[in-house]
Each structure stands twice: as structure tokens, then as C-alpha cells.
Amino acid sequence: MSASKVNATPLFGPFLVQSSGQKLTIPSESVRLHKNGIEFRCSDAFATWTEMTVELEAPWEDQRIQAQGVIVACQGSRHAGFVVSMLFTHLSPQSAARLHSLATGLSM
């Protein structure tokens, strides 16, 4: 993943993560957005290479960005929580451009 730094202000509301019928809502403070992926903290571990869908919603927009991806890393423990890294695999060119601008701190 890219090492782009994100803005300190939350760009999105809570994130909705879905995998194999399991849905998690993750607060925006637990998420680091990159131009080609996402990292988030959660209490559940995910197996590497698990396919997932993430919905991102900016507070100032009605339209959600839906991104599919694969878990490339999951580190941590059940006591301290897990840091999950997901690489986007299926992203429309428009969504990719919006994510890139948000990850690099530019406004569209």
C-alpha cells in the first residue's frame, strides 16, 4: 500500500465492512485511507486473502463509494485488537480518482 498521509479530520462517517455475510461498522477514527487500499482497527481477526466489500460515505455527499478488495495483512491480538490491511481489487475509475484525491488530501 501507499504511505500517503490522511487528514486528521474524518472524511467519512462510519465504515461498513462486509465479508461472508458478516457486517462490521467501523468508526472513521479507526481507519487509514490510502489511494489503493485501507487499514482499519477492529476486534475481529480476518484471514489473509479473504475477499471483502467496503462502503465509504463522505458526510458531504449522498453517493457511497463501494470498493471490493482482499485482506493482505491482519496483525494484533484479541486483547489489543487487530490492524487489518485491505488492498482494493475492483474499483471503478471514478471511485479510484475520488479515493486517490481523498487519500492525498485534495478536494474534488
C-alpha atoms as a PDB file:
ATOM      1  CA  MET A   1       0.000   0.000   0.000  1.00  0.00           C
ATOM      2  CA  SER A   2       0.946   3.566  -0.445  1.00  0.00           C
ATOM      3  CA  ALA A   3       2.278   5.519   2.514  1.00  0.00           C
ATOM      4  CA  SER A   4       0.065   8.550   1.852  1.00  0.00           C
ATOM      5  CA  LYS A   5      -0.858  10.529   4.936  1.00  0.00           C
ATOM      6  CA  VAL A   6      -4.508  11.248   5.541  1.00  0.00           C
ATOM      7  CA  ASN A   7      -6.054  14.371   7.003  1.00  0.00           C
ATOM      8  CA  ALA A   8      -6.766  14.377  10.738  1.00  0.00           C
ATOM      9  CA  THR A   9     -10.400  15.392  10.211  1.00  0.00           C
ATOM     10  CA  PRO A  10     -12.725  12.484   9.483  1.00  0.00           C
ATOM     11  CA  LEU A  11     -13.554  12.391   5.773  1.00  0.00           C
ATOM     12  CA  PHE A  12     -16.142   9.679   6.132  1.00  0.00           C
ATOM     13  CA  GLY A  13     -18.808   8.545   8.513  1.00  0.00           C
ATOM     14  CA  PRO A  14     -18.658   5.039   9.958  1.00  0.00           C
ATOM     15  CA  PHE A  15     -17.401   2.395   7.551  1.00  0.00           C
ATOM     16  CA  LEU A  16     -19.425  -0.681   6.706  1.00  0.00           C
ATOM     17  CA  VAL A  17     -17.283  -3.785   6.076  1.00  0.00           C
ATOM     18  CA  GLN A  18     -18.871  -6.985   4.758  1.00  0.00           C
ATOM     19  CA  SER A  19     -17.282 -10.417   4.450  1.00  0.00           C
ATOM     20  CA  SER A  20     -19.034 -13.770   4.037  1.00  0.00           C
ATOM     21  CA  GLY A  21     -22.308 -12.356   5.321  1.00  0.00           C
ATOM     22  CA  GLN A  22     -20.588 -10.740   8.329  1.00  0.00           C
ATOM     23  CA  LYS A  23     -21.088  -6.969   8.636  1.00  0.00           C
ATOM     24  CA  LEU A  24     -18.936  -4.656  10.749  1.00  0.00           C
ATOM     25  CA  THR A  25     -19.382  -0.940  11.290  1.00  0.00           C
ATOM     26  CA  ILE A  26     -16.041   0.708  11.966  1.00  0.00           C
ATOM     27  CA  PRO A  27     -15.694   4.297  13.277  1.00  0.00           C
ATOM     28  CA  SER A  28     -13.791   6.654  10.984  1.00  0.00           C
ATOM     29  CA  GLU A  29     -11.147   7.265  13.688  1.00  0.00           C
ATOM     30  CA  SER A  30     -10.091   3.608  13.303  1.00  0.00           C
ATOM     31  CA  VAL A  31      -9.486   3.891   9.559  1.00  0.00           C
ATOM     32  CA  ARG A  32      -6.497   4.979   7.470  1.00  0.00           C
ATOM     33  CA  LEU A  33      -7.374   5.549   3.842  1.00  0.00           C
ATOM     34  CA  HIS A  34      -4.821   5.035   1.067  1.00  0.00           C
ATOM     35  CA  LYS A  35      -5.194   5.524  -2.683  1.00  0.00           C
ATOM     36  CA  ASN A  36      -5.156   1.760  -3.318  1.00  0.00           C
ATOM     37  CA  GLY A  37      -6.361   0.309  -0.037  1.00  0.00           C
ATOM     38  CA  ILE A  38      -7.481   0.798   3.523  1.00  0.00           C
ATOM     39  CA  GLU A  39      -6.245  -0.050   7.019  1.00  0.00           C
ATOM     40  CA  PHE A  40      -8.600  -0.328   9.956  1.00  0.00           C
ATOM     41  CA  ARG A  41      -8.620  -1.435  13.574  1.00  0.00           C
ATOM     42  CA  CYS A  42     -11.233  -3.888  14.746  1.00  0.00           C
ATOM     43  CA  SER A  43     -11.818  -6.515  17.399  1.00  0.00           C
ATOM     44  CA  ASP A  44     -12.091  -9.382  14.891  1.00  0.00           C
ATOM     45  CA  ALA A  45      -9.267 -11.124  13.046  1.00  0.00           C
ATOM     46  CA  PHE A  46      -9.561 -11.773   9.306  1.00  0.00           C
ATOM     47  CA  ALA A  47      -7.734 -14.453   7.371  1.00  0.00           C
ATOM     48  CA  THR A  48      -5.272 -13.280   4.732  1.00  0.00           C
ATOM     49  CA  TRP A  49      -6.692 -13.369   1.175  1.00  0.00           C
ATOM     50  CA  THR A  50     -10.278 -13.003   2.431  1.00  0.00           C
ATOM     51  CA  GLU A  51     -12.347 -11.044  -0.077  1.00  0.00           C
ATOM     52  CA  MET A  52     -14.335  -8.152   1.378  1.00  0.00           C
ATOM     53  CA  THR A  53     -16.570  -5.265   0.365  1.00  0.00           C
ATOM     54  CA  VAL A  54     -16.244  -1.834   1.971  1.00  0.00           C
ATOM     55  CA  GLU A  55     -18.699   1.052   1.661  1.00  0.00           C
ATOM     56  CA  LEU A  56     -17.345   4.550   2.227  1.00  0.00           C
ATOM     57  CA  GLU A  57     -19.615   7.534   2.690  1.00  0.00           C
ATOM     58  CA  ALA A  58     -18.447  11.132   2.948  1.00  0.00           C
ATOM     59  CA  PRO A  59     -20.619  13.359   5.178  1.00  0.00           C
ATOM     60  CA  TRP A  60     -20.970  15.997   2.447  1.00  0.00           C
ATOM     61  CA  GLU A  61     -22.018  13.559  -0.323  1.00  0.00           C
ATOM     62  CA  ASP A  62     -25.037  11.324  -0.831  1.00  0.00           C
ATOM     63  CA  GLN A  63     -23.159   8.866  -3.003  1.00  0.00           C
ATOM     64  CA  ARG A  64     -21.244   5.993  -1.408  1.00  0.00           C
ATOM     65  CA  ILE A  65     -18.028   4.530  -2.735  1.00  0.00           C
ATOM     66  CA  GLN A  66     -18.227   0.755  -2.819  1.00  0.00           C
ATOM     67  CA  ALA A  67     -14.883  -1.000  -3.052  1.00  0.00           C
ATOM     68  CA  GLN A  68     -14.040  -4.673  -3.228  1.00  0.00           C
ATOM     69  CA  GLY A  69     -10.709  -5.923  -2.053  1.00  0.00           C
ATOM     70  CA  VAL A  70      -8.665  -8.602  -0.386  1.00  0.00           C
ATOM     71  CA  ILE A  71      -7.105  -8.736   3.080  1.00  0.00           C
ATOM     72  CA  VAL A  72      -3.309  -8.685   2.709  1.00  0.00           C
ATOM     73  CA  ALA A  73      -2.399  -8.476   6.421  1.00  0.00           C
ATOM     74  CA  CYS A  74      -4.010  -8.808   9.822  1.00  0.00           C
ATOM     75  CA  GLN A  75      -1.834  -8.234  12.874  1.00  0.00           C
ATOM     76  CA  GLY A  76      -2.633  -7.971  16.552  1.00  0.00           C
ATOM     77  CA  SER A  77      -4.327  -9.932  19.298  1.00  0.00           C
ATOM     78  CA  ARG A  78      -7.832 -10.417  20.620  1.00  0.00           C
ATOM     79  CA  HIS A  79      -6.862  -8.384  23.698  1.00  0.00           C
ATOM     80  CA  ALA A  80      -5.393  -5.344  21.942  1.00  0.00           C
ATOM     81  CA  GLY A  81      -7.392  -5.553  18.706  1.00  0.00           C
ATOM     82  CA  PHE A  82      -6.294  -6.161  15.135  1.00  0.00           C
ATOM     83  CA  VAL A  83      -4.959  -3.900  12.414  1.00  0.00           C
ATOM     84  CA  VAL A  84      -6.348  -5.119   9.099  1.00  0.00           C
ATOM     85  CA  SER A  85      -4.849  -4.075   5.745  1.00  0.00           C
ATOM     86  CA  MET A  86      -7.031  -4.399   2.666  1.00  0.00           C
ATOM     87  CA  LEU A  87      -5.924  -3.875  -0.926  1.00  0.00           C
ATOM     88  CA  PHE A  88      -8.639  -2.729  -3.341  1.00  0.00           C
ATOM     89  CA  THR A  89      -9.086  -5.038  -6.324  1.00  0.00           C
ATOM     90  CA  HIS A  90     -12.285  -3.911  -8.081  1.00  0.00           C
ATOM     91  CA  LEU A  91     -12.691  -0.166  -8.229  1.00  0.00           C
ATOM     92  CA  SER A  92     -14.259   1.966 -10.968  1.00  0.00           C
ATOM     93  CA  PRO A  93     -12.025   4.668 -12.453  1.00  0.00           C
ATOM     94  CA  GLN A  94     -14.270   7.357 -10.917  1.00  0.00           C
ATOM     95  CA  SER A  95     -14.104   5.775  -7.447  1.00  0.00           C
ATOM     96  CA  ALA A  96     -10.350   5.305  -7.785  1.00  0.00           C
ATOM     97  CA  ALA A  97      -9.928   9.004  -8.623  1.00  0.00           C
ATOM     98  CA  ARG A  98     -12.104  10.066  -5.663  1.00  0.00           C
ATOM     99  CA  LEU A  99     -10.215   7.803  -3.249  1.00  0.00           C
ATOM    100  CA  HIS A 100      -6.867   8.997  -4.557  1.00  0.00           C
ATOM    101  CA  SER A 101      -7.804  12.633  -4.028  1.00  0.00           C
ATOM    102  CA  LEU A 102      -9.140  11.924  -0.517  1.00  0.00           C
ATOM    103  CA  ALA A 103      -6.073   9.872   0.438  1.00  0.00           C
ATOM    104  CA  THR A 104      -3.712  12.607  -0.675  1.00  0.00           C
ATOM    105  CA  GLY A 105      -5.741  15.363   0.996  1.00  0.00           C
ATOM    106  CA  LEU A 106      -7.066  17.043  -2.137  1.00  0.00           C
ATOM    107  CA  SER A 107     -10.689  18.067  -2.546  1.00  0.00           C
ATOM    108  CA  MET A 108     -12.733  17.149  -5.580  1.00  0.00           C
END
